Amino acid sequence: MATFPQLRLRRTRRTETLRALVRETRVDIGDLVYPLFVVEGRGVKQEIASMPGAFRFSVDLLPAEVEEIAKLGIPAVLLFGIPENKDEVGSEAYQRQGIVQQAIRVIKRAVPELLVVTDVCLCEYTSHGHCGIIVDGSVDNDQTLVLLARTAMSHAEAGADIIAPSDMMDGRVKAIREKLDEEKFQHIPILSYAAKYTSAFYGPFREAAESAPQFGDRRAYQMDPPNVREALREVEQDIAEGADIIMVKPALAYLDVIRRVRDTFDYPLAAYNVSGEYAMVKAAAQRGWLDERRTIEEILTAIKRAGADIIITYHAKEFSRWLSRG
């Protein structure tokens, strides 16, 4: 092997054209999924205070928004619904005219080729803010599975392209897969939030989705942040139950987990660049502490370099604009 001075590694860094020629990792627009928050009402486009540049939309304003997303080349959106009424069992989550079900139909009419991924969880729909049925002060895993499967089925009937359970109940992928197959929706893939950690980085999302727990926290069902071997067991279980795509959430503080999952499983892998990660960049950029574009590009590249095939990010629209402009 050559050594200095014959070997000069700086030679291929001298110009941008040279750097681009030997670049090892590239994030493409086609890798991105853009999250959308949908609310009741008409004419609503409400900026989320802790997430500058992200909005809640009423269903009637979705066509213009998704047409813009599609024109940018972003292939998919991830839907979250905020209902007007909540109850103990999250019944609005699985109603035929629920907010997400309405949104799916409107999006598929407006831009049929845009992939609609739907988050399946009860936290936005329950009065207590937890992800399932409460029995004796805690979430009952097995009773919750029935409602998650029912919610997934209602999304599939409305026209969802991909079902994405995020609740972290044991057995939810199996319950959803069996329900979809039973009702002749064998073609609908499941993107499982397989390794979803209980994270401080979810704070802005809970404001956006109005889904903060009214008591306690979610540590009894979401993963403990120090654990990585457990994440591999979670992923393995979800694959065994029928998951087609797996996810690590959050992304930026869990790049090591993304890499371990990538090295262990030969399955499509998504990573969620979550609300707190987004909000930190926006806050620092607003104060002039960071170069916003360079920071976002570096973060998304790091997630891709760690092994993610798919990146769910609130930066998708701005990143896509930058990429198309060069």
C-alpha atoms as a PDB file:
ATOM      1  CA  MET A   1       0.000   0.000   0.000  1.00  0.00           C
ATOM      2  CA  ALA A   2       1.294   3.417  -0.938  1.00  0.00           C
ATOM      3  CA  THR A   3       2.025   5.952   1.790  1.00  0.00           C
ATOM      4  CA  PHE A   4       2.646   9.703   1.867  1.00  0.00           C
ATOM      5  CA  PRO A   5       3.978  11.447  -0.175  1.00  0.00           C
ATOM      6  CA  GLN A   6       2.888   9.094  -3.009  1.00  0.00           C
ATOM      7  CA  LEU A   7      -0.515   8.691  -1.335  1.00  0.00           C
ATOM      8  CA  ARG A   8      -2.331  11.998  -0.905  1.00  0.00           C
ATOM      9  CA  LEU A   9      -5.967  11.499   0.086  1.00  0.00           C
ATOM     10  CA  ARG A  10      -6.704  15.194  -0.382  1.00  0.00           C
ATOM     11  CA  ARG A  11      -6.358  14.820  -4.158  1.00  0.00           C
ATOM     12  CA  THR A  12     -10.011  13.771  -4.586  1.00  0.00           C
ATOM     13  CA  ARG A  13     -11.278  16.547  -2.279  1.00  0.00           C
ATOM     14  CA  ARG A  14      -9.817  19.430  -4.264  1.00  0.00           C
ATOM     15  CA  THR A  15     -12.977  20.531  -6.117  1.00  0.00           C
ATOM     16  CA  GLU A  16     -16.708  19.980  -5.726  1.00  0.00           C
ATOM     17  CA  THR A  17     -16.789  17.992  -8.960  1.00  0.00           C
ATOM     18  CA  LEU A  18     -14.105  15.629  -7.675  1.00  0.00           C
ATOM     19  CA  ARG A  19     -15.814  15.322  -4.289  1.00  0.00           C
ATOM     20  CA  ALA A  20     -19.122  14.492  -5.984  1.00  0.00           C
ATOM     21  CA  LEU A  21     -17.449  11.912  -8.222  1.00  0.00           C
ATOM     22  CA  VAL A  22     -16.183   9.835  -5.273  1.00  0.00           C
ATOM     23  CA  ARG A  23     -19.074  10.530  -2.868  1.00  0.00           C
ATOM     24  CA  GLU A  24     -20.077   7.328  -1.079  1.00  0.00           C
ATOM     25  CA  THR A  25     -23.527   8.243   0.262  1.00  0.00           C
ATOM     26  CA  ARG A  26     -26.301  10.203  -1.429  1.00  0.00           C
ATOM     27  CA  VAL A  27     -29.774  11.067  -0.170  1.00  0.00           C
ATOM     28  CA  ASP A  28     -32.301  11.139  -3.007  1.00  0.00           C
ATOM     29  CA  ILE A  29     -35.746  12.734  -2.999  1.00  0.00           C
ATOM     30  CA  GLY A  30     -37.135   9.246  -3.596  1.00  0.00           C
ATOM     31  CA  ASP A  31     -35.843   8.165  -0.171  1.00  0.00           C
ATOM     32  CA  LEU A  32     -38.104  10.600   1.705  1.00  0.00           C
ATOM     33  CA  VAL A  33     -41.497  10.416   3.393  1.00  0.00           C
ATOM     34  CA  TYR A  34     -43.191  13.625   4.548  1.00  0.00           C
ATOM     35  CA  PRO A  35     -45.392  13.546   7.694  1.00  0.00           C
ATOM     36  CA  LEU A  36     -48.749  15.346   7.529  1.00  0.00           C
ATOM     37  CA  PHE A  37     -51.049  16.349  10.406  1.00  0.00           C
ATOM     38  CA  VAL A  38     -54.761  16.453   9.563  1.00  0.00           C
ATOM     39  CA  VAL A  39     -57.450  18.159  11.675  1.00  0.00           C
ATOM     40  CA  GLU A  40     -61.202  18.677  11.646  1.00  0.00           C
ATOM     41  CA  GLY A  41     -62.747  21.825  10.178  1.00  0.00           C
ATOM     42  CA  ARG A  42     -62.406  23.802   6.977  1.00  0.00           C
ATOM     43  CA  GLY A  43     -59.802  26.247   5.763  1.00  0.00           C
ATOM     44  CA  VAL A  44     -57.355  25.294   8.491  1.00  0.00           C
ATOM     45  CA  LYS A  45     -53.628  25.710   7.902  1.00  0.00           C
ATOM     46  CA  GLN A  46     -52.153  26.167  11.345  1.00  0.00           C
ATOM     47  CA  GLU A  47     -48.411  26.396  11.930  1.00  0.00           C
ATOM     48  CA  ILE A  48     -47.151  24.253  14.811  1.00  0.00           C
ATOM     49  CA  ALA A  49     -45.436  26.622  17.239  1.00  0.00           C
ATOM     50  CA  SER A  50     -42.607  24.257  18.189  1.00  0.00           C
ATOM     51  CA  MET A  51     -42.090  23.094  14.583  1.00  0.00           C
ATOM     52  CA  PRO A  52     -41.645  26.187  12.367  1.00  0.00           C
ATOM     53  CA  GLY A  53     -42.574  25.402   8.781  1.00  0.00           C
ATOM     54  CA  ALA A  54     -44.784  22.426   9.720  1.00  0.00           C
ATOM     55  CA  PHE A  55     -48.574  22.769   9.719  1.00  0.00           C
ATOM     56  CA  ARG A  56     -51.851  21.138  10.627  1.00  0.00           C
ATOM     57  CA  PHE A  57     -54.222  20.974   7.649  1.00  0.00           C
ATOM     58  CA  SER A  58     -57.953  20.463   7.370  1.00  0.00           C
ATOM     59  CA  VAL A  59     -59.011  17.887   4.797  1.00  0.00           C
ATOM     60  CA  ASP A  60     -60.255  20.454   2.273  1.00  0.00           C
ATOM     61  CA  LEU A  61     -56.766  21.982   1.989  1.00  0.00           C
ATOM     62  CA  LEU A  62     -54.979  18.661   1.475  1.00  0.00           C
ATOM     63  CA  PRO A  63     -55.257  18.530  -2.349  1.00  0.00           C
ATOM     64  CA  ALA A  64     -53.122  21.637  -2.854  1.00  0.00           C
ATOM     65  CA  GLU A  65     -50.594  20.464  -0.258  1.00  0.00           C
ATOM     66  CA  VAL A  66     -50.173  16.950  -1.656  1.00  0.00           C
ATOM     67  CA  GLU A  67     -49.988  18.257  -5.227  1.00  0.00           C
ATOM     68  CA  GLU A  68     -47.029  20.396  -4.146  1.00  0.00           C
ATOM     69  CA  ILE A  69     -45.432  17.421  -2.380  1.00  0.00           C
ATOM     70  CA  ALA A  70     -45.801  15.250  -5.472  1.00  0.00           C
ATOM     71  CA  LYS A  71     -44.380  17.965  -7.762  1.00  0.00           C
ATOM     72  CA  LEU A  72     -41.290  18.074  -5.550  1.00  0.00           C
ATOM     73  CA  GLY A  73     -40.805  14.365  -6.274  1.00  0.00           C
ATOM     74  CA  ILE A  74     -41.484  13.175  -2.720  1.00  0.00           C
ATOM     75  CA  PRO A  75     -43.027   9.715  -3.159  1.00  0.00           C
ATOM     76  CA  ALA A  76     -44.992   9.311   0.094  1.00  0.00           C
ATOM     77  CA  VAL A  77     -46.707  10.993   3.018  1.00  0.00           C
ATOM     78  CA  LEU A  78     -47.280   9.672   6.536  1.00  0.00           C
ATOM     79  CA  LEU A  79     -50.675  10.658   7.950  1.00  0.00           C
ATOM     80  CA  PHE A  80     -51.507  11.570  11.549  1.00  0.00           C
ATOM     81  CA  GLY A  81     -55.065  12.523  12.489  1.00  0.00           C
ATOM     82  CA  ILE A  82     -56.247  14.851  15.255  1.00  0.00           C
ATOM     83  CA  PRO A  83     -59.959  14.226  15.888  1.00  0.00           C
ATOM     84  CA  GLU A  84     -62.379  16.735  17.354  1.00  0.00           C
ATOM     85  CA  ASN A  85     -63.662  14.245  19.936  1.00  0.00           C
ATOM     86  CA  LYS A  86     -61.690  11.754  22.034  1.00  0.00           C
ATOM     87  CA  ASP A  87     -62.820   8.983  24.360  1.00  0.00           C
ATOM     88  CA  GLU A  88     -61.440   6.204  26.531  1.00  0.00           C
ATOM     89  CA  VAL A  89     -61.237   3.687  23.686  1.00  0.00           C
ATOM     90  CA  GLY A  90     -60.140   5.981  20.824  1.00  0.00           C
ATOM     91  CA  SER A  91     -63.247   5.197  18.812  1.00  0.00           C
ATOM     92  CA  GLU A  92     -62.593   7.941  16.242  1.00  0.00           C
ATOM     93  CA  ALA A  93     -59.494   6.019  15.133  1.00  0.00           C
ATOM     94  CA  TYR A  94     -61.510   3.292  13.408  1.00  0.00           C
ATOM     95  CA  GLN A  95     -64.600   5.130  12.147  1.00  0.00           C
ATOM     96  CA  ARG A  96     -65.272   5.022   8.411  1.00  0.00           C
ATOM     97  CA  GLN A  97     -65.568   8.831   8.395  1.00  0.00           C
ATOM     98  CA  GLY A  98     -62.686   9.379  10.791  1.00  0.00           C
ATOM     99  CA  ILE A  99     -60.279  12.195  10.064  1.00  0.00           C
ATOM    100  CA  VAL A 100     -57.514   9.971   8.641  1.00  0.00           C
ATOM    101  CA  GLN A 101     -59.978   7.916   6.610  1.00  0.00           C
ATOM    102  CA  GLN A 102     -61.343  11.107   5.031  1.00  0.00           C
ATOM    103  CA  ALA A 103     -57.820  12.347   4.362  1.00  0.00           C
ATOM    104  CA  ILE A 104     -56.796   9.119   2.618  1.00  0.00           C
ATOM    105  CA  ARG A 105     -59.714   9.338   0.195  1.00  0.00           C
ATOM    106  CA  VAL A 106     -59.065  12.996  -0.596  1.00  0.00           C
ATOM    107  CA  ILE A 107     -55.334  12.456  -1.188  1.00  0.00           C
ATOM    108  CA  LYS A 108     -55.844   9.415  -3.415  1.00  0.00           C
ATOM    109  CA  ARG A 109     -58.362  11.350  -5.513  1.00  0.00           C
ATOM    110  CA  ALA A 110     -56.063  14.364  -5.809  1.00  0.00           C
ATOM    111  CA  VAL A 111     -52.750  12.558  -6.452  1.00  0.00           C
ATOM    112  CA  PRO A 112     -53.377   8.823  -6.992  1.00  0.00           C
ATOM    113  CA  GLU A 113     -49.686   8.009  -7.473  1.00  0.00           C
ATOM    114  CA  LEU A 114     -48.635   9.492  -4.104  1.00  0.00           C
ATOM    115  CA  LEU A 115     -48.127   6.730  -1.549  1.00  0.00           C
ATOM    116  CA  VAL A 116     -50.231   7.180   1.584  1.00  0.00           C
ATOM    117  CA  VAL A 117     -48.741   5.657   4.718  1.00  0.00           C
ATOM    118  CA  THR A 118     -50.998   5.733   7.778  1.00  0.00           C
ATOM    119  CA  ASP A 119     -49.857   5.772  11.372  1.00  0.00           C
ATOM    120  CA  VAL A 120     -51.844   3.217  13.385  1.00  0.00           C
ATOM    121  CA  CYS A 121     -52.001   4.077  17.064  1.00  0.00           C
ATOM    122  CA  LEU A 122     -54.655   5.217  19.523  1.00  0.00           C
ATOM    123  CA  CYS A 123     -52.773   7.978  21.383  1.00  0.00           C
ATOM    124  CA  GLU A 124     -54.189  10.842  19.281  1.00  0.00           C
ATOM    125  CA  TYR A 125     -57.714   9.478  19.755  1.00  0.00           C
ATOM    126  CA  THR A 126     -57.894   8.552  23.449  1.00  0.00           C
ATOM    127  CA  SER A 127     -58.920  11.004  26.142  1.00  0.00           C
ATOM    128  CA  HIS A 128     -56.050   9.759  28.331  1.00  0.00           C
ATOM    129  CA  GLY A 129     -53.399  10.055  25.579  1.00  0.00           C
ATOM    130  CA  HIS A 130     -52.062   6.528  25.888  1.00  0.00           C
ATOM    131  CA  CYS A 131     -51.638   4.151  22.946  1.00  0.00           C
ATOM    132  CA  GLY A 132     -54.226   1.590  24.020  1.00  0.00           C
ATOM    133  CA  ILE A 133     -57.018   0.528  26.341  1.00  0.00           C
ATOM    134  CA  ILE A 134     -56.448   1.368  30.011  1.00  0.00           C
ATOM    135  CA  VAL A 135     -57.209  -1.392  32.514  1.00  0.00           C
ATOM    136  CA  ASP A 136     -56.334  -0.901  36.192  1.00  0.00           C
ATOM    137  CA  GLY A 137     -54.166   2.106  35.417  1.00  0.00           C
ATOM    138  CA  SER A 138     -52.036   0.612  32.642  1.00  0.00           C
ATOM    139  CA  VAL A 139     -52.327  -0.195  28.939  1.00  0.00           C
ATOM    140  CA  ASP A 140     -53.826  -3.637  28.321  1.00  0.00           C
ATOM    141  CA  ASN A 141     -51.810  -5.134  25.473  1.00  0.00           C
ATOM    142  CA  ASP A 142     -54.210  -7.795  24.181  1.00  0.00           C
ATOM    143  CA  GLN A 143     -57.417  -5.750  24.296  1.00  0.00           C
ATOM    144  CA  THR A 144     -55.607  -2.999  22.408  1.00  0.00           C
ATOM    145  CA  LEU A 145     -54.653  -5.370  19.572  1.00  0.00           C
ATOM    146  CA  VAL A 146     -58.283  -5.754  18.533  1.00  0.00           C
ATOM    147  CA  LEU A 147     -58.710  -1.997  18.096  1.00  0.00           C
ATOM    148  CA  LEU A 148     -55.387  -1.565  16.297  1.00  0.00           C
ATOM    149  CA  ALA A 149     -56.362  -4.244  13.772  1.00  0.00           C
ATOM    150  CA  ARG A 150     -59.748  -2.581  13.332  1.00  0.00           C
ATOM    151  CA  THR A 151     -58.056   0.802  12.761  1.00  0.00           C
ATOM    152  CA  ALA A 152     -55.645  -0.671  10.214  1.00  0.00           C
ATOM    153  CA  MET A 153     -58.525  -2.291   8.381  1.00  0.00           C
ATOM    154  CA  SER A 154     -60.423   0.997   8.172  1.00  0.00           C
ATOM    155  CA  HIS A 155     -57.346   2.672   6.680  1.00  0.00           C
ATOM    156  CA  ALA A 156     -56.934  -0.073   4.093  1.00  0.00           C
ATOM    157  CA  GLU A 157     -60.613   0.182   3.112  1.00  0.00           C
ATOM    158  CA  ALA A 158     -60.194   3.951   2.670  1.00  0.00           C
ATOM    159  CA  GLY A 159     -57.309   3.399   0.242  1.00  0.00           C
ATOM    160  CA  ALA A 160     -54.096   3.502   2.300  1.00  0.00           C
ATOM    161  CA  ASP A 161     -51.047   2.099   0.518  1.00  0.00           C
ATOM    162  CA  ILE A 162     -49.013   1.161   3.609  1.00  0.00           C
ATOM    163  CA  ILE A 163     -50.068   0.536   7.217  1.00  0.00           C
ATOM    164  CA  ALA A 164     -47.606   1.699   9.885  1.00  0.00           C
ATOM    165  CA  PRO A 165     -48.361   0.574  13.478  1.00  0.00           C
ATOM    166  CA  SER A 166     -46.514   2.734  16.022  1.00  0.00           C
ATOM    167  CA  ASP A 167     -48.087   1.674  19.332  1.00  0.00           C
ATOM    168  CA  MET A 168     -45.409  -0.851  20.425  1.00  0.00           C
ATOM    169  CA  MET A 169     -47.902  -3.441  21.664  1.00  0.00           C
ATOM    170  CA  ASP A 170     -46.590  -7.001  21.535  1.00  0.00           C
ATOM    171  CA  GLY A 171     -48.207  -8.934  18.690  1.00  0.00           C
ATOM    172  CA  ARG A 172     -49.696  -5.964  16.865  1.00  0.00           C
ATOM    173  CA  VAL A 173     -48.072  -6.776  13.515  1.00  0.00           C
ATOM    174  CA  LYS A 174     -49.500 -10.311  13.632  1.00  0.00           C
ATOM    175  CA  ALA A 175     -52.961  -9.035  14.594  1.00  0.00           C
ATOM    176  CA  ILE A 176     -52.969  -6.465  11.778  1.00  0.00           C
ATOM    177  CA  ARG A 177     -51.566  -8.875   9.174  1.00  0.00           C
ATOM    178  CA  GLU A 178     -54.185 -11.501  10.018  1.00  0.00           C
ATOM    179  CA  LYS A 179     -56.997  -8.939   9.846  1.00  0.00           C
ATOM    180  CA  LEU A 180     -55.843  -7.527   6.508  1.00  0.00           C
ATOM    181  CA  ASP A 181     -55.423 -10.989   5.023  1.00  0.00           C
ATOM    182  CA  GLU A 182     -58.799 -12.143   6.309  1.00  0.00           C
ATOM    183  CA  GLU A 183     -60.479  -9.159   4.600  1.00  0.00           C
ATOM    184  CA  LYS A 184     -58.658  -9.710   1.260  1.00  0.00           C
ATOM    185  CA  PHE A 185     -56.072  -6.955   1.717  1.00  0.00           C
ATOM    186  CA  GLN A 186     -53.096  -9.282   1.402  1.00  0.00           C
ATOM    187  CA  HIS A 187     -51.437  -6.766  -0.939  1.00  0.00           C
ATOM    188  CA  ILE A 188     -51.135  -4.022   1.678  1.00  0.00           C
ATOM    189  CA  PRO A 189     -47.634  -3.898   3.244  1.00  0.00           C
ATOM    190  CA  ILE A 190     -46.926  -3.189   6.902  1.00  0.00           C
ATOM    191  CA  LEU A 191     -44.219  -0.696   7.871  1.00  0.00           C
ATOM    192  CA  SER A 192     -43.621  -1.507  11.516  1.00  0.00           C
ATOM    193  CA  TYR A 193     -42.274   0.978  14.044  1.00  0.00           C
ATOM    194  CA  ALA A 194     -40.214  -1.988  15.195  1.00  0.00           C
ATOM    195  CA  ALA A 195     -37.662  -0.252  17.425  1.00  0.00           C
ATOM    196  CA  LYS A 196     -39.464   2.781  18.821  1.00  0.00           C
ATOM    197  CA  TYR A 197     -37.782   4.276  21.858  1.00  0.00           C
ATOM    198  CA  THR A 198     -39.382   6.308  24.639  1.00  0.00           C
ATOM    199  CA  SER A 199     -37.683   9.578  23.756  1.00  0.00           C
ATOM    200  CA  ALA A 200     -37.528  13.206  24.843  1.00  0.00           C
ATOM    201  CA  PHE A 201     -37.276  14.067  21.149  1.00  0.00           C
ATOM    202  CA  TYR A 202     -41.040  13.501  20.697  1.00  0.00           C
ATOM    203  CA  GLY A 203     -42.027  16.671  22.588  1.00  0.00           C
ATOM    204  CA  PRO A 204     -43.004  18.881  19.622  1.00  0.00           C
ATOM    205  CA  PHE A 205     -44.937  16.008  18.000  1.00  0.00           C
ATOM    206  CA  ARG A 206     -47.107  15.650  21.094  1.00  0.00           C
ATOM    207  CA  GLU A 207     -48.041  19.309  20.760  1.00  0.00           C
ATOM    208  CA  ALA A 208     -48.710  18.873  17.040  1.00  0.00           C
ATOM    209  CA  ALA A 209     -50.832  15.734  17.462  1.00  0.00           C
ATOM    210  CA  GLU A 210     -52.315  16.662  20.854  1.00  0.00           C
ATOM    211  CA  SER A 211     -51.261  13.226  22.093  1.00  0.00           C
ATOM    212  CA  ALA A 212     -49.418  13.772  25.374  1.00  0.00           C
ATOM    213  CA  PRO A 213     -50.349  11.204  28.077  1.00  0.00           C
ATOM    214  CA  GLN A 214     -52.665  12.632  30.705  1.00  0.00           C
ATOM    215  CA  PHE A 215     -50.995  10.527  33.396  1.00  0.00           C
ATOM    216  CA  GLY A 216     -47.755   8.587  33.669  1.00  0.00           C
ATOM    217  CA  ASP A 217     -45.616   7.993  30.589  1.00  0.00           C
ATOM    218  CA  ARG A 218     -45.025   5.389  27.864  1.00  0.00           C
ATOM    219  CA  ARG A 219     -41.957   3.686  29.295  1.00  0.00           C
ATOM    220  CA  ALA A 220     -43.846   0.470  29.969  1.00  0.00           C
ATOM    221  CA  TYR A 221     -44.385  -0.137  26.233  1.00  0.00           C
ATOM    222  CA  GLN A 222     -41.907   1.978  24.247  1.00  0.00           C
ATOM    223  CA  MET A 223     -38.256   0.895  24.317  1.00  0.00           C
ATOM    224  CA  ASP A 224     -35.701   1.933  26.935  1.00  0.00           C
ATOM    225  CA  PRO A 225     -33.094   4.209  25.235  1.00  0.00           C
ATOM    226  CA  PRO A 226     -29.976   2.389  26.560  1.00  0.00           C
ATOM    227  CA  ASN A 227     -30.952  -0.914  24.871  1.00  0.00           C
ATOM    228  CA  VAL A 228     -29.804  -2.060  21.443  1.00  0.00           C
ATOM    229  CA  ARG A 229     -29.903  -5.871  21.697  1.00  0.00           C
ATOM    230  CA  GLU A 230     -33.561  -5.552  22.661  1.00  0.00           C
ATOM    231  CA  ALA A 231     -34.133  -3.528  19.481  1.00  0.00           C
ATOM    232  CA  LEU A 232     -32.870  -6.458  17.425  1.00  0.00           C
ATOM    233  CA  ARG A 233     -35.320  -8.752  19.211  1.00  0.00           C
ATOM    234  CA  GLU A 234     -38.176  -6.326  18.516  1.00  0.00           C
ATOM    235  CA  VAL A 235     -37.276  -6.172  14.836  1.00  0.00           C
ATOM    236  CA  GLU A 236     -36.925  -9.943  14.621  1.00  0.00           C
ATOM    237  CA  GLN A 237     -40.349 -10.437  16.203  1.00  0.00           C
ATOM    238  CA  ASP A 238     -42.052  -7.970  13.860  1.00  0.00           C
ATOM    239  CA  ILE A 239     -40.494  -9.608  10.805  1.00  0.00           C
ATOM    240  CA  ALA A 240     -41.657 -13.009  12.037  1.00  0.00           C
ATOM    241  CA  GLU A 241     -45.190 -11.604  12.429  1.00  0.00           C
ATOM    242  CA  GLY A 242     -45.287 -10.283   8.856  1.00  0.00           C
ATOM    243  CA  ALA A 243     -43.724  -6.808   8.726  1.00  0.00           C
ATOM    244  CA  ASP A 244     -42.576  -5.874   5.219  1.00  0.00           C
ATOM    245  CA  ILE A 245     -40.600  -2.763   6.197  1.00  0.00           C
ATOM    246  CA  ILE A 246     -39.053  -2.036   9.590  1.00  0.00           C
ATOM    247  CA  MET A 247     -38.314   1.256  11.322  1.00  0.00           C
ATOM    248  CA  VAL A 248     -36.027   2.744  13.952  1.00  0.00           C
ATOM    249  CA  LYS A 249     -37.368   5.815  15.768  1.00  0.00           C
ATOM    250  CA  PRO A 250     -35.889   8.331  16.562  1.00  0.00           C
ATOM    251  CA  ALA A 251     -33.084   8.475  14.003  1.00  0.00           C
ATOM    252  CA  LEU A 252     -30.357  10.942  14.942  1.00  0.00           C
ATOM    253  CA  ALA A 253     -29.655   9.760  18.505  1.00  0.00           C
ATOM    254  CA  TYR A 254     -30.002   6.115  17.397  1.00  0.00           C
ATOM    255  CA  LEU A 255     -27.701   5.911  14.382  1.00  0.00           C
ATOM    256  CA  ASP A 256     -25.921   2.990  16.039  1.00  0.00           C
ATOM    257  CA  VAL A 257     -29.226   1.124  16.265  1.00  0.00           C
ATOM    258  CA  ILE A 258     -29.946   1.800  12.585  1.00  0.00           C
ATOM    259  CA  ARG A 259     -26.541   0.362  11.708  1.00  0.00           C
ATOM    260  CA  ARG A 260     -27.024  -2.735  13.886  1.00  0.00           C
ATOM    261  CA  VAL A 261     -30.443  -3.387  12.351  1.00  0.00           C
ATOM    262  CA  ARG A 262     -29.075  -2.834   8.835  1.00  0.00           C
ATOM    263  CA  ASP A 263     -26.220  -5.286   9.438  1.00  0.00           C
ATOM    264  CA  THR A 264     -28.514  -7.914  10.984  1.00  0.00           C
ATOM    265  CA  PHE A 265     -31.624  -7.910   8.775  1.00  0.00           C
ATOM    266  CA  ASP A 266     -31.916  -7.806   4.997  1.00  0.00           C
ATOM    267  CA  TYR A 267     -35.229  -5.936   5.005  1.00  0.00           C
ATOM    268  CA  PRO A 268     -36.180  -2.437   3.826  1.00  0.00           C
ATOM    269  CA  LEU A 269     -35.282  -0.119   6.711  1.00  0.00           C
ATOM    270  CA  ALA A 270     -36.892   3.221   7.564  1.00  0.00           C
ATOM    271  CA  ALA A 271     -35.716   5.771  10.109  1.00  0.00           C
ATOM    272  CA  TYR A 272     -37.820   8.598  11.550  1.00  0.00           C
ATOM    273  CA  ASN A 273     -36.068  11.975  11.821  1.00  0.00           C
ATOM    274  CA  VAL A 274     -38.454  13.078  14.566  1.00  0.00           C
ATOM    275  CA  SER A 275     -39.990  16.364  15.646  1.00  0.00           C
ATOM    276  CA  GLY A 276     -37.453  17.227  18.345  1.00  0.00           C
ATOM    277  CA  GLU A 277     -34.568  16.693  15.943  1.00  0.00           C
ATOM    278  CA  TYR A 278     -36.328  18.984  13.465  1.00  0.00           C
ATOM    279  CA  ALA A 279     -37.145  21.631  16.094  1.00  0.00           C
ATOM    280  CA  MET A 280     -33.551  21.836  17.356  1.00  0.00           C
ATOM    281  CA  VAL A 281     -32.253  22.618  13.877  1.00  0.00           C
ATOM    282  CA  LYS A 282     -34.970  25.206  13.254  1.00  0.00           C
ATOM    283  CA  ALA A 283     -34.393  26.957  16.597  1.00  0.00           C
ATOM    284  CA  ALA A 284     -30.617  27.116  16.146  1.00  0.00           C
ATOM    285  CA  ALA A 285     -30.927  28.280  12.529  1.00  0.00           C
ATOM    286  CA  GLN A 286     -33.351  31.062  13.502  1.00  0.00           C
ATOM    287  CA  ARG A 287     -30.720  32.367  15.927  1.00  0.00           C
ATOM    288  CA  GLY A 288     -27.974  32.183  13.363  1.00  0.00           C
ATOM    289  CA  TRP A 289     -26.124  29.476  15.281  1.00  0.00           C
ATOM    290  CA  LEU A 290     -26.191  26.925  12.452  1.00  0.00           C
ATOM    291  CA  ASP A 291     -26.162  26.958   8.669  1.00  0.00           C
ATOM    292  CA  GLU A 292     -29.610  25.420   8.207  1.00  0.00           C
ATOM    293  CA  ARG A 293     -29.148  23.851   4.784  1.00  0.00           C
ATOM    294  CA  ARG A 294     -25.753  22.331   5.542  1.00  0.00           C
ATOM    295  CA  THR A 295     -26.986  20.995   8.891  1.00  0.00           C
ATOM    296  CA  ILE A 296     -30.075  19.348   7.405  1.00  0.00           C
ATOM    297  CA  GLU A 297     -28.098  17.831   4.551  1.00  0.00           C
ATOM    298  CA  GLU A 298     -25.535  16.478   7.016  1.00  0.00           C
ATOM    299  CA  ILE A 299     -28.196  14.966   9.282  1.00  0.00           C
ATOM    300  CA  LEU A 300     -30.060  13.245   6.444  1.00  0.00           C
ATOM    301  CA  THR A 301     -26.792  11.976   4.991  1.00  0.00           C
ATOM    302  CA  ALA A 302     -25.817  10.546   8.392  1.00  0.00           C
ATOM    303  CA  ILE A 303     -29.140   8.681   8.632  1.00  0.00           C
ATOM    304  CA  LYS A 304     -28.683   7.268   5.128  1.00  0.00           C
ATOM    305  CA  ARG A 305     -25.026   6.409   5.804  1.00  0.00           C
ATOM    306  CA  ALA A 306     -26.038   4.532   8.957  1.00  0.00           C
ATOM    307  CA  GLY A 307     -28.117   2.221   6.751  1.00  0.00           C
ATOM    308  CA  ALA A 308     -31.618   3.625   6.338  1.00  0.00           C
ATOM    309  CA  ASP A 309     -33.306   3.086   2.972  1.00  0.00           C
ATOM    310  CA  ILE A 310     -36.252   5.361   3.807  1.00  0.00           C
ATOM    311  CA  ILE A 311     -36.121   8.599   5.816  1.00  0.00           C
ATOM    312  CA  ILE A 312     -39.292  10.014   7.344  1.00  0.00           C
ATOM    313  CA  THR A 313     -38.556  13.698   7.886  1.00  0.00           C
ATOM    314  CA  TYR A 314     -40.242  17.080   8.304  1.00  0.00           C
ATOM    315  CA  HIS A 315     -37.338  18.491   6.264  1.00  0.00           C
ATOM    316  CA  ALA A 316     -38.478  16.606   3.148  1.00  0.00           C
ATOM    317  CA  LYS A 317     -40.001  19.553   1.279  1.00  0.00           C
ATOM    318  CA  GLU A 318     -37.149  22.008   1.831  1.00  0.00           C
ATOM    319  CA  PHE A 319     -34.517  19.345   1.150  1.00  0.00           C
ATOM    320  CA  SER A 320     -36.267  18.390  -2.084  1.00  0.00           C
ATOM    321  CA  ARG A 321     -36.323  22.026  -3.214  1.00  0.00           C
ATOM    322  CA  TRP A 322     -32.604  22.375  -2.529  1.00  0.00           C
ATOM    323  CA  LEU A 323     -31.785  19.140  -4.326  1.00  0.00           C
ATOM    324  CA  SER A 324     -33.794  20.082  -7.414  1.00  0.00           C
ATOM    325  CA  ARG A 325     -32.100  23.503  -7.594  1.00  0.00           C
ATOM    326  CA  GLY A 326     -28.637  22.033  -7.195  1.00  0.00           C
END
